[in-house]
């Protein structure tokens, strides 16, 4: 896959579709690599007439790693954030939004339909708020406004993801942990069988295992805090997609996002958790395509 130098880092990316078609920029979430946007999903979008770009966020995959940049403990950051005390982090979600724009600049792209999932939705919100002229449409999937009043993750999910991460980093241990992660985050109406979950976890590990990036991503999320005031400034046509059964970012986060972005459209999908099950690809791609094609600017 190609790389570009953008915003003073190297960014790994991949494209699908014709270079002359309108651009869709896909931004993935916490600790996830570009392959978390499945290739067939990207190709299906490209077949609708889009130039689809997926990329590794900083500290993931083959993009620049911030080795040695330590962060405070998660509990310490949460407490300082609650007390409105400053938090020193290696980088911010705003820096990650600048990465997205830097990638577009490096590829000579003036505007794009920006789509983010989970933390990627938070980054996409920052892109739309900070660079309104660069964003044709915004789609925020299974994400949130970050307001402290909103409910948090299911306790079992929170404990598994944030508190019981493996101490050993051997391949088998990590893959087993991530197989369970995929199960816990999955969509109740569209379960993924264990063989497929193991295939997904193995592909991610073998491409790039880099747990340090996960911790720095968490720090960036906590530092970013409440985005409601920024959401109010967004005048980009916005679509919010959220699963009714999301165990990591509960539905309230999507509802709140849609309430604070002026004229945002909210689509709630029954049976969907915190993933993109293949059974829902036609529905999600239809929503994205309808939103993009209805708001050409």
C-alpha atoms as a PDB file:
ATOM      1  CA  UNK A   1       0.000   0.000   0.000  1.00  0.00           C
ATOM      2  CA  UNK A   2       1.195   3.583  -0.615  1.00  0.00           C
ATOM      3  CA  UNK A   3       2.232   6.155   1.975  1.00  0.00           C
ATOM      4  CA  UNK A   4       2.301   9.937   1.988  1.00  0.00           C
ATOM      5  CA  UNK A   5       3.998  12.461   4.226  1.00  0.00           C
ATOM      6  CA  UNK A   6       1.279  14.606   5.768  1.00  0.00           C
ATOM      7  CA  UNK A   7       1.053  16.764   8.894  1.00  0.00           C
ATOM      8  CA  UNK A   8       4.677  15.779   9.665  1.00  0.00           C
ATOM      9  CA  UNK A   9       3.922  12.056   9.829  1.00  0.00           C
ATOM     10  CA  UNK A  10       3.790   9.142   7.398  1.00  0.00           C
ATOM     11  CA  UNK A  11       0.268   7.931   6.631  1.00  0.00           C
ATOM     12  CA  UNK A  12      -0.482   4.543   5.100  1.00  0.00           C
ATOM     13  CA  UNK A  13      -3.582   4.525   2.917  1.00  0.00           C
ATOM     14  CA  UNK A  14      -5.419   2.572   0.241  1.00  0.00           C
ATOM     15  CA  UNK A  15      -7.809   3.663  -2.494  1.00  0.00           C
ATOM     16  CA  UNK A  16     -10.716   2.043  -4.338  1.00  0.00           C
ATOM     17  CA  UNK A  17     -12.598   3.375  -7.349  1.00  0.00           C
ATOM     18  CA  UNK A  18     -11.862   5.908 -10.046  1.00  0.00           C
ATOM     19  CA  UNK A  19      -9.679   8.913  -9.221  1.00  0.00           C
ATOM     20  CA  UNK A  20     -12.188  11.212 -10.946  1.00  0.00           C
ATOM     21  CA  UNK A  21     -15.093  10.223  -8.677  1.00  0.00           C
ATOM     22  CA  UNK A  22     -16.179  12.141  -5.544  1.00  0.00           C
ATOM     23  CA  UNK A  23     -14.021  11.163  -2.564  1.00  0.00           C
ATOM     24  CA  UNK A  24     -15.156   9.270   0.504  1.00  0.00           C
ATOM     25  CA  UNK A  25     -12.610   9.395   3.344  1.00  0.00           C
ATOM     26  CA  UNK A  26     -13.032   6.599   5.907  1.00  0.00           C
ATOM     27  CA  UNK A  27     -11.667   7.174   9.431  1.00  0.00           C
ATOM     28  CA  UNK A  28     -11.474   4.209  11.793  1.00  0.00           C
ATOM     29  CA  UNK A  29     -11.673   4.091  15.578  1.00  0.00           C
ATOM     30  CA  UNK A  30      -9.740   3.371  18.748  1.00  0.00           C
ATOM     31  CA  UNK A  31      -6.596   1.353  18.078  1.00  0.00           C
ATOM     32  CA  UNK A  32      -8.018   0.023  14.820  1.00  0.00           C
ATOM     33  CA  UNK A  33      -6.200  -0.298  11.511  1.00  0.00           C
ATOM     34  CA  UNK A  34      -7.513   0.598   8.075  1.00  0.00           C
ATOM     35  CA  UNK A  35      -8.476  -3.046   7.494  1.00  0.00           C
ATOM     36  CA  UNK A  36     -11.269  -2.573  10.054  1.00  0.00           C
ATOM     37  CA  UNK A  37     -13.053  -1.008   7.074  1.00  0.00           C
ATOM     38  CA  UNK A  38     -13.476  -4.340   5.254  1.00  0.00           C
ATOM     39  CA  UNK A  39     -12.210  -4.362   1.679  1.00  0.00           C
ATOM     40  CA  UNK A  40     -15.522  -5.642   0.234  1.00  0.00           C
ATOM     41  CA  UNK A  41     -17.339  -2.819   2.076  1.00  0.00           C
ATOM     42  CA  UNK A  42     -14.974  -0.298   0.468  1.00  0.00           C
ATOM     43  CA  UNK A  43     -15.375  -1.873  -2.968  1.00  0.00           C
ATOM     44  CA  UNK A  44     -19.165  -1.835  -2.647  1.00  0.00           C
ATOM     45  CA  UNK A  45     -19.001   1.892  -1.887  1.00  0.00           C
ATOM     46  CA  UNK A  46     -16.661   2.458  -4.835  1.00  0.00           C
ATOM     47  CA  UNK A  47     -19.120   0.688  -7.133  1.00  0.00           C
ATOM     48  CA  UNK A  48     -21.640   3.409  -6.242  1.00  0.00           C
ATOM     49  CA  UNK A  49     -19.347   5.925  -7.966  1.00  0.00           C
ATOM     50  CA  UNK A  50     -16.925   7.058  -5.275  1.00  0.00           C
ATOM     51  CA  UNK A  51     -13.171   7.225  -4.834  1.00  0.00           C
ATOM     52  CA  UNK A  52     -12.921   5.515  -1.441  1.00  0.00           C
ATOM     53  CA  UNK A  53      -9.876   6.096   0.764  1.00  0.00           C
ATOM     54  CA  UNK A  54      -9.149   4.233   3.983  1.00  0.00           C
ATOM     55  CA  UNK A  55      -6.032   4.881   6.057  1.00  0.00           C
ATOM     56  CA  UNK A  56      -4.148   3.964   9.217  1.00  0.00           C
ATOM     57  CA  UNK A  57      -4.494   6.588  11.926  1.00  0.00           C
ATOM     58  CA  UNK A  58      -1.267   7.663  13.599  1.00  0.00           C
ATOM     59  CA  UNK A  59      -0.033   5.026  16.052  1.00  0.00           C
ATOM     60  CA  UNK A  60      -1.743   2.211  14.116  1.00  0.00           C
ATOM     61  CA  UNK A  61      -0.847  -0.076  11.231  1.00  0.00           C
ATOM     62  CA  UNK A  62       1.960   1.252   9.061  1.00  0.00           C
ATOM     63  CA  UNK A  63       1.492   4.942   9.837  1.00  0.00           C
ATOM     64  CA  UNK A  64       3.940   6.768  12.118  1.00  0.00           C
ATOM     65  CA  UNK A  65       4.246   5.434  15.662  1.00  0.00           C
ATOM     66  CA  UNK A  66       4.860   7.750  18.591  1.00  0.00           C
ATOM     67  CA  UNK A  67       7.281   5.484  20.419  1.00  0.00           C
ATOM     68  CA  UNK A  68       8.304   6.648  23.855  1.00  0.00           C
ATOM     69  CA  UNK A  69       5.487   9.172  24.191  1.00  0.00           C
ATOM     70  CA  UNK A  70       4.058   8.166  27.542  1.00  0.00           C
ATOM     71  CA  UNK A  71       0.611   9.065  28.857  1.00  0.00           C
ATOM     72  CA  UNK A  72      -0.803   9.347  32.386  1.00  0.00           C
ATOM     73  CA  UNK A  73      -2.868   6.468  33.733  1.00  0.00           C
ATOM     74  CA  UNK A  74      -6.426   6.298  32.396  1.00  0.00           C
ATOM     75  CA  UNK A  75      -7.973   6.716  35.863  1.00  0.00           C
ATOM     76  CA  UNK A  76      -5.773   9.749  36.521  1.00  0.00           C
ATOM     77  CA  UNK A  77      -6.819  11.326  33.230  1.00  0.00           C
ATOM     78  CA  UNK A  78     -10.502  10.693  33.910  1.00  0.00           C
ATOM     79  CA  UNK A  79     -10.257  12.296  37.352  1.00  0.00           C
ATOM     80  CA  UNK A  80      -8.343  15.327  36.039  1.00  0.00           C
ATOM     81  CA  UNK A  81     -10.842  15.719  33.229  1.00  0.00           C
ATOM     82  CA  UNK A  82     -13.772  15.590  35.669  1.00  0.00           C
ATOM     83  CA  UNK A  83     -12.082  18.265  37.781  1.00  0.00           C
ATOM     84  CA  UNK A  84     -11.357  20.382  34.676  1.00  0.00           C
ATOM     85  CA  UNK A  85      -7.637  20.090  35.302  1.00  0.00           C
ATOM     86  CA  UNK A  86      -5.180  20.117  32.393  1.00  0.00           C
ATOM     87  CA  UNK A  87      -4.126  16.815  30.862  1.00  0.00           C
ATOM     88  CA  UNK A  88      -0.834  16.487  29.016  1.00  0.00           C
ATOM     89  CA  UNK A  89      -1.150  14.069  26.126  1.00  0.00           C
ATOM     90  CA  UNK A  90       1.200  13.145  23.260  1.00  0.00           C
ATOM     91  CA  UNK A  91      -1.356  14.373  20.703  1.00  0.00           C
ATOM     92  CA  UNK A  92      -5.007  15.372  20.455  1.00  0.00           C
ATOM     93  CA  UNK A  93      -7.961  14.295  18.358  1.00  0.00           C
ATOM     94  CA  UNK A  94      -7.537  17.698  16.711  1.00  0.00           C
ATOM     95  CA  UNK A  95      -4.075  16.558  15.565  1.00  0.00           C
ATOM     96  CA  UNK A  96      -5.666  13.409  14.155  1.00  0.00           C
ATOM     97  CA  UNK A  97      -8.207  15.577  12.333  1.00  0.00           C
ATOM     98  CA  UNK A  98      -5.268  17.534  10.911  1.00  0.00           C
ATOM     99  CA  UNK A  99      -3.842  14.189   9.728  1.00  0.00           C
ATOM    100  CA  UNK A 100      -7.016  13.559   7.734  1.00  0.00           C
ATOM    101  CA  UNK A 101      -6.820  16.957   6.066  1.00  0.00           C
ATOM    102  CA  UNK A 102      -3.082  16.495   5.517  1.00  0.00           C
ATOM    103  CA  UNK A 103      -3.790  13.228   3.703  1.00  0.00           C
ATOM    104  CA  UNK A 104      -6.304  14.976   1.439  1.00  0.00           C
ATOM    105  CA  UNK A 105      -3.768  17.744   0.783  1.00  0.00           C
ATOM    106  CA  UNK A 106      -1.043  15.254  -0.086  1.00  0.00           C
ATOM    107  CA  UNK A 107      -3.370  13.523  -2.561  1.00  0.00           C
ATOM    108  CA  UNK A 108      -4.479  16.819  -4.108  1.00  0.00           C
ATOM    109  CA  UNK A 109      -8.069  16.407  -2.943  1.00  0.00           C
ATOM    110  CA  UNK A 110     -10.020  19.577  -2.208  1.00  0.00           C
ATOM    111  CA  UNK A 111     -13.173  18.126  -0.610  1.00  0.00           C
ATOM    112  CA  UNK A 112     -14.446  14.768   0.604  1.00  0.00           C
ATOM    113  CA  UNK A 113     -17.393  13.026   2.144  1.00  0.00           C
ATOM    114  CA  UNK A 114     -15.924  12.297   5.592  1.00  0.00           C
ATOM    115  CA  UNK A 115     -17.086   9.173   7.405  1.00  0.00           C
ATOM    116  CA  UNK A 116     -15.880   8.138  10.839  1.00  0.00           C
ATOM    117  CA  UNK A 117     -16.654   5.134  13.039  1.00  0.00           C
ATOM    118  CA  UNK A 118     -16.410   5.253  16.852  1.00  0.00           C
ATOM    119  CA  UNK A 119     -13.288   7.332  17.676  1.00  0.00           C
ATOM    120  CA  UNK A 120     -13.128   7.924  13.939  1.00  0.00           C
ATOM    121  CA  UNK A 121     -16.507   9.631  14.265  1.00  0.00           C
ATOM    122  CA  UNK A 122     -15.024  11.932  16.899  1.00  0.00           C
ATOM    123  CA  UNK A 123     -12.144  12.738  14.556  1.00  0.00           C
ATOM    124  CA  UNK A 124     -14.583  13.310  11.687  1.00  0.00           C
ATOM    125  CA  UNK A 125     -16.597  15.696  13.875  1.00  0.00           C
ATOM    126  CA  UNK A 126     -13.421  17.678  14.544  1.00  0.00           C
ATOM    127  CA  UNK A 127     -12.644  17.725  10.814  1.00  0.00           C
ATOM    128  CA  UNK A 128     -16.099  19.121   9.998  1.00  0.00           C
ATOM    129  CA  UNK A 129     -15.902  21.714  12.781  1.00  0.00           C
ATOM    130  CA  UNK A 130     -12.380  22.894  11.937  1.00  0.00           C
ATOM    131  CA  UNK A 131     -12.375  22.535   8.141  1.00  0.00           C
ATOM    132  CA  UNK A 132     -15.961  23.126   6.961  1.00  0.00           C
ATOM    133  CA  UNK A 133     -14.960  23.991   3.389  1.00  0.00           C
ATOM    134  CA  UNK A 134     -13.158  20.655   2.986  1.00  0.00           C
ATOM    135  CA  UNK A 135     -16.106  18.460   3.985  1.00  0.00           C
ATOM    136  CA  UNK A 136     -18.932  17.754   1.550  1.00  0.00           C
ATOM    137  CA  UNK A 137     -20.871  15.680   4.044  1.00  0.00           C
ATOM    138  CA  UNK A 138     -20.210  14.244   7.493  1.00  0.00           C
ATOM    139  CA  UNK A 139     -21.287  10.760   8.569  1.00  0.00           C
ATOM    140  CA  UNK A 140     -20.713   9.853  12.218  1.00  0.00           C
ATOM    141  CA  UNK A 141     -21.170   6.144  12.929  1.00  0.00           C
ATOM    142  CA  UNK A 142     -21.470   4.609  16.436  1.00  0.00           C
ATOM    143  CA  UNK A 143     -19.862   7.700  17.960  1.00  0.00           C
ATOM    144  CA  UNK A 144     -20.759  10.377  20.508  1.00  0.00           C
ATOM    145  CA  UNK A 145     -20.576  14.045  21.471  1.00  0.00           C
ATOM    146  CA  UNK A 146     -18.387  13.161  24.456  1.00  0.00           C
ATOM    147  CA  UNK A 147     -20.572  14.924  27.025  1.00  0.00           C
ATOM    148  CA  UNK A 148     -19.918  13.623  30.536  1.00  0.00           C
ATOM    149  CA  UNK A 149     -23.642  13.154  31.275  1.00  0.00           C
ATOM    150  CA  UNK A 150     -23.981  10.378  28.693  1.00  0.00           C
ATOM    151  CA  UNK A 151     -23.975   6.721  29.747  1.00  0.00           C
ATOM    152  CA  UNK A 152     -20.755   4.777  29.472  1.00  0.00           C
ATOM    153  CA  UNK A 153     -19.943   1.362  28.111  1.00  0.00           C
ATOM    154  CA  UNK A 154     -21.520  -1.825  29.400  1.00  0.00           C
ATOM    155  CA  UNK A 155     -19.525  -2.810  32.525  1.00  0.00           C
ATOM    156  CA  UNK A 156     -18.447  -6.172  31.093  1.00  0.00           C
ATOM    157  CA  UNK A 157     -17.248  -4.530  27.891  1.00  0.00           C
ATOM    158  CA  UNK A 158     -15.467  -1.748  29.775  1.00  0.00           C
ATOM    159  CA  UNK A 159     -13.694  -4.206  32.056  1.00  0.00           C
ATOM    160  CA  UNK A 160     -12.616  -6.420  29.163  1.00  0.00           C
ATOM    161  CA  UNK A 161     -11.310  -3.626  26.933  1.00  0.00           C
ATOM    162  CA  UNK A 162      -9.779  -1.265  29.466  1.00  0.00           C
ATOM    163  CA  UNK A 163      -8.960  -3.244  32.596  1.00  0.00           C
ATOM    164  CA  UNK A 164      -8.190  -6.859  31.673  1.00  0.00           C
ATOM    165  CA  UNK A 165      -5.927  -6.371  28.673  1.00  0.00           C
ATOM    166  CA  UNK A 166      -3.418  -9.254  28.422  1.00  0.00           C
ATOM    167  CA  UNK A 167      -0.069  -8.873  30.164  1.00  0.00           C
ATOM    168  CA  UNK A 168       1.502 -11.263  27.685  1.00  0.00           C
ATOM    169  CA  UNK A 169       1.907 -10.154  24.087  1.00  0.00           C
ATOM    170  CA  UNK A 170       2.358 -13.506  22.400  1.00  0.00           C
ATOM    171  CA  UNK A 171       0.267 -14.100  19.312  1.00  0.00           C
ATOM    172  CA  UNK A 172      -2.085 -16.727  20.750  1.00  0.00           C
ATOM    173  CA  UNK A 173      -2.900 -14.722  23.890  1.00  0.00           C
ATOM    174  CA  UNK A 174      -3.623 -11.516  22.003  1.00  0.00           C
ATOM    175  CA  UNK A 175      -5.704 -13.210  19.329  1.00  0.00           C
ATOM    176  CA  UNK A 176      -7.786 -15.034  21.952  1.00  0.00           C
ATOM    177  CA  UNK A 177      -8.392 -11.759  23.774  1.00  0.00           C
ATOM    178  CA  UNK A 178      -9.427 -10.008  20.570  1.00  0.00           C
ATOM    179  CA  UNK A 179     -11.710 -12.856  19.520  1.00  0.00           C
ATOM    180  CA  UNK A 180     -13.589 -12.209  22.755  1.00  0.00           C
ATOM    181  CA  UNK A 181     -13.507  -8.443  22.124  1.00  0.00           C
ATOM    182  CA  UNK A 182     -15.159  -8.876  18.734  1.00  0.00           C
ATOM    183  CA  UNK A 183     -17.806 -11.066  20.350  1.00  0.00           C
ATOM    184  CA  UNK A 184     -18.574  -8.567  23.126  1.00  0.00           C
ATOM    185  CA  UNK A 185     -18.818  -5.605  20.754  1.00  0.00           C
ATOM    186  CA  UNK A 186     -20.842  -7.447  18.142  1.00  0.00           C
ATOM    187  CA  UNK A 187     -24.406  -6.975  17.002  1.00  0.00           C
ATOM    188  CA  UNK A 188     -26.874  -9.217  18.874  1.00  0.00           C
ATOM    189  CA  UNK A 189     -29.019  -9.716  15.788  1.00  0.00           C
ATOM    190  CA  UNK A 190     -26.021 -10.465  13.567  1.00  0.00           C
ATOM    191  CA  UNK A 191     -23.531 -12.622  15.501  1.00  0.00           C
ATOM    192  CA  UNK A 192     -20.146 -13.400  13.978  1.00  0.00           C
ATOM    193  CA  UNK A 193     -19.122 -17.049  14.299  1.00  0.00           C
ATOM    194  CA  UNK A 194     -15.903 -17.860  16.126  1.00  0.00           C
ATOM    195  CA  UNK A 195     -13.966 -18.901  13.023  1.00  0.00           C
ATOM    196  CA  UNK A 196     -14.649 -15.540  11.392  1.00  0.00           C
ATOM    197  CA  UNK A 197     -13.801 -13.670  14.606  1.00  0.00           C
ATOM    198  CA  UNK A 198     -10.515 -15.572  14.841  1.00  0.00           C
ATOM    199  CA  UNK A 199      -9.743 -14.788  11.195  1.00  0.00           C
ATOM    200  CA  UNK A 200     -10.354 -11.072  11.823  1.00  0.00           C
ATOM    201  CA  UNK A 201      -8.245 -11.039  14.998  1.00  0.00           C
ATOM    202  CA  UNK A 202      -5.405 -12.950  13.324  1.00  0.00           C
ATOM    203  CA  UNK A 203      -5.339 -10.648  10.305  1.00  0.00           C
ATOM    204  CA  UNK A 204      -5.123  -7.588  12.556  1.00  0.00           C
ATOM    205  CA  UNK A 205      -2.350  -9.066  14.727  1.00  0.00           C
ATOM    206  CA  UNK A 206      -0.297 -10.267  11.782  1.00  0.00           C
ATOM    207  CA  UNK A 207      -0.525  -6.949   9.967  1.00  0.00           C
ATOM    208  CA  UNK A 208       0.570  -4.855  12.943  1.00  0.00           C
ATOM    209  CA  UNK A 209       0.320  -5.449  16.675  1.00  0.00           C
ATOM    210  CA  UNK A 210       1.050  -2.208  18.489  1.00  0.00           C
ATOM    211  CA  UNK A 211      -0.826  -1.869  21.818  1.00  0.00           C
ATOM    212  CA  UNK A 212       0.950   1.361  22.816  1.00  0.00           C
ATOM    213  CA  UNK A 213      -1.070   3.241  20.216  1.00  0.00           C
ATOM    214  CA  UNK A 214      -4.306   2.153  21.880  1.00  0.00           C
ATOM    215  CA  UNK A 215      -3.347   3.883  25.147  1.00  0.00           C
ATOM    216  CA  UNK A 216      -2.398   7.113  23.388  1.00  0.00           C
ATOM    217  CA  UNK A 217      -5.682   7.045  21.473  1.00  0.00           C
ATOM    218  CA  UNK A 218      -7.564   6.725  24.768  1.00  0.00           C
ATOM    219  CA  UNK A 219      -5.633   9.723  26.101  1.00  0.00           C
ATOM    220  CA  UNK A 220      -6.598  11.759  23.032  1.00  0.00           C
ATOM    221  CA  UNK A 221     -10.279  10.879  23.507  1.00  0.00           C
ATOM    222  CA  UNK A 222     -10.285  11.842  27.183  1.00  0.00           C
ATOM    223  CA  UNK A 223      -8.444  15.078  26.418  1.00  0.00           C
ATOM    224  CA  UNK A 224     -10.960  15.990  23.698  1.00  0.00           C
ATOM    225  CA  UNK A 225     -13.821  15.866  26.177  1.00  0.00           C
ATOM    226  CA  UNK A 226     -17.171  17.438  25.369  1.00  0.00           C
ATOM    227  CA  UNK A 227     -17.663  18.381  21.701  1.00  0.00           C
ATOM    228  CA  UNK A 228     -21.193  19.803  21.978  1.00  0.00           C
ATOM    229  CA  UNK A 229     -20.062  23.397  21.441  1.00  0.00           C
ATOM    230  CA  UNK A 230     -18.096  22.351  18.350  1.00  0.00           C
ATOM    231  CA  UNK A 231     -20.992  20.284  17.026  1.00  0.00           C
ATOM    232  CA  UNK A 232     -23.235  23.351  17.163  1.00  0.00           C
ATOM    233  CA  UNK A 233     -20.928  25.106  14.680  1.00  0.00           C
ATOM    234  CA  UNK A 234     -21.075  22.381  12.028  1.00  0.00           C
ATOM    235  CA  UNK A 235     -23.033  23.479   8.953  1.00  0.00           C
ATOM    236  CA  UNK A 236     -22.044  20.452   6.873  1.00  0.00           C
ATOM    237  CA  UNK A 237     -24.914  18.084   6.002  1.00  0.00           C
ATOM    238  CA  UNK A 238     -24.610  15.431   8.691  1.00  0.00           C
ATOM    239  CA  UNK A 239     -25.812  11.857   9.018  1.00  0.00           C
ATOM    240  CA  UNK A 240     -25.576  10.018  12.350  1.00  0.00           C
ATOM    241  CA  UNK A 241     -25.820   6.214  12.265  1.00  0.00           C
ATOM    242  CA  UNK A 242     -26.010   4.258  15.505  1.00  0.00           C
ATOM    243  CA  UNK A 243     -26.896   0.746  16.599  1.00  0.00           C
ATOM    244  CA  UNK A 244     -29.683   0.419  19.131  1.00  0.00           C
ATOM    245  CA  UNK A 245     -27.734  -2.301  20.974  1.00  0.00           C
ATOM    246  CA  UNK A 246     -24.282  -0.676  21.008  1.00  0.00           C
ATOM    247  CA  UNK A 247     -22.492  -1.919  24.175  1.00  0.00           C
ATOM    248  CA  UNK A 248     -19.421   0.348  23.931  1.00  0.00           C
ATOM    249  CA  UNK A 249     -20.896   3.702  22.899  1.00  0.00           C
ATOM    250  CA  UNK A 250     -24.565   3.503  23.917  1.00  0.00           C
ATOM    251  CA  UNK A 251     -27.256   4.846  21.606  1.00  0.00           C
ATOM    252  CA  UNK A 252     -27.574   7.992  23.750  1.00  0.00           C
ATOM    253  CA  UNK A 253     -24.206   9.133  22.337  1.00  0.00           C
ATOM    254  CA  UNK A 254     -25.522   9.032  18.783  1.00  0.00           C
ATOM    255  CA  UNK A 255     -28.768  10.750  19.736  1.00  0.00           C
ATOM    256  CA  UNK A 256     -26.842  13.499  21.512  1.00  0.00           C
ATOM    257  CA  UNK A 257     -24.564  14.001  18.506  1.00  0.00           C
ATOM    258  CA  UNK A 258     -27.567  14.390  16.200  1.00  0.00           C
ATOM    259  CA  UNK A 259     -29.257  16.810  18.599  1.00  0.00           C
ATOM    260  CA  UNK A 260     -26.296  19.182  18.682  1.00  0.00           C
ATOM    261  CA  UNK A 261     -25.354  19.201  14.992  1.00  0.00           C
ATOM    262  CA  UNK A 262     -27.839  21.537  13.297  1.00  0.00           C
ATOM    263  CA  UNK A 263     -30.286  19.668  11.039  1.00  0.00           C
ATOM    264  CA  UNK A 264     -28.472  16.355  11.452  1.00  0.00           C
ATOM    265  CA  UNK A 265     -30.295  13.218  10.370  1.00  0.00           C
ATOM    266  CA  UNK A 266     -30.320  10.308  12.819  1.00  0.00           C
ATOM    267  CA  UNK A 267     -30.652   6.706  11.675  1.00  0.00           C
ATOM    268  CA  UNK A 268     -30.998   4.074  14.408  1.00  0.00           C
ATOM    269  CA  UNK A 269     -30.403   0.482  13.325  1.00  0.00           C
ATOM    270  CA  UNK A 270     -32.111  -2.229  15.349  1.00  0.00           C
ATOM    271  CA  UNK A 271     -29.974  -5.207  16.313  1.00  0.00           C
ATOM    272  CA  UNK A 272     -26.692  -3.393  15.610  1.00  0.00           C
ATOM    273  CA  UNK A 273     -23.917  -3.263  18.191  1.00  0.00           C
ATOM    274  CA  UNK A 274     -20.484  -1.664  17.916  1.00  0.00           C
ATOM    275  CA  UNK A 275     -19.398  -3.177  14.621  1.00  0.00           C
ATOM    276  CA  UNK A 276     -20.272  -3.285  10.928  1.00  0.00           C
ATOM    277  CA  UNK A 277     -21.901  -6.703  10.410  1.00  0.00           C
ATOM    278  CA  UNK A 278     -21.925  -7.866   6.807  1.00  0.00           C
ATOM    279  CA  UNK A 279     -25.699  -8.284   6.896  1.00  0.00           C
ATOM    280  CA  UNK A 280     -26.059  -4.524   7.428  1.00  0.00           C
ATOM    281  CA  UNK A 281     -23.630  -3.393   4.722  1.00  0.00           C
ATOM    282  CA  UNK A 282     -26.382  -2.836   2.118  1.00  0.00           C
ATOM    283  CA  UNK A 283     -28.373  -0.690   4.543  1.00  0.00           C
ATOM    284  CA  UNK A 284     -25.371   1.309   5.746  1.00  0.00           C
ATOM    285  CA  UNK A 285     -24.003   1.803   2.225  1.00  0.00           C
ATOM    286  CA  UNK A 286     -27.442   2.916   1.028  1.00  0.00           C
ATOM    287  CA  UNK A 287     -27.585   5.473   3.846  1.00  0.00           C
ATOM    288  CA  UNK A 288     -24.101   6.797   3.048  1.00  0.00           C
ATOM    289  CA  UNK A 289     -24.775   6.931  -0.698  1.00  0.00           C
ATOM    290  CA  UNK A 290     -28.167   8.629  -0.313  1.00  0.00           C
ATOM    291  CA  UNK A 291     -26.670  11.179   2.071  1.00  0.00           C
ATOM    292  CA  UNK A 292     -23.696  11.934  -0.164  1.00  0.00           C
ATOM    293  CA  UNK A 293     -25.632  12.102  -3.429  1.00  0.00           C
ATOM    294  CA  UNK A 294     -28.337  14.339  -1.931  1.00  0.00           C
ATOM    295  CA  UNK A 295     -25.792  16.843  -0.634  1.00  0.00           C
ATOM    296  CA  UNK A 296     -23.372  17.515  -3.473  1.00  0.00           C
ATOM    297  CA  UNK A 297     -21.607  20.835  -2.871  1.00  0.00           C
END
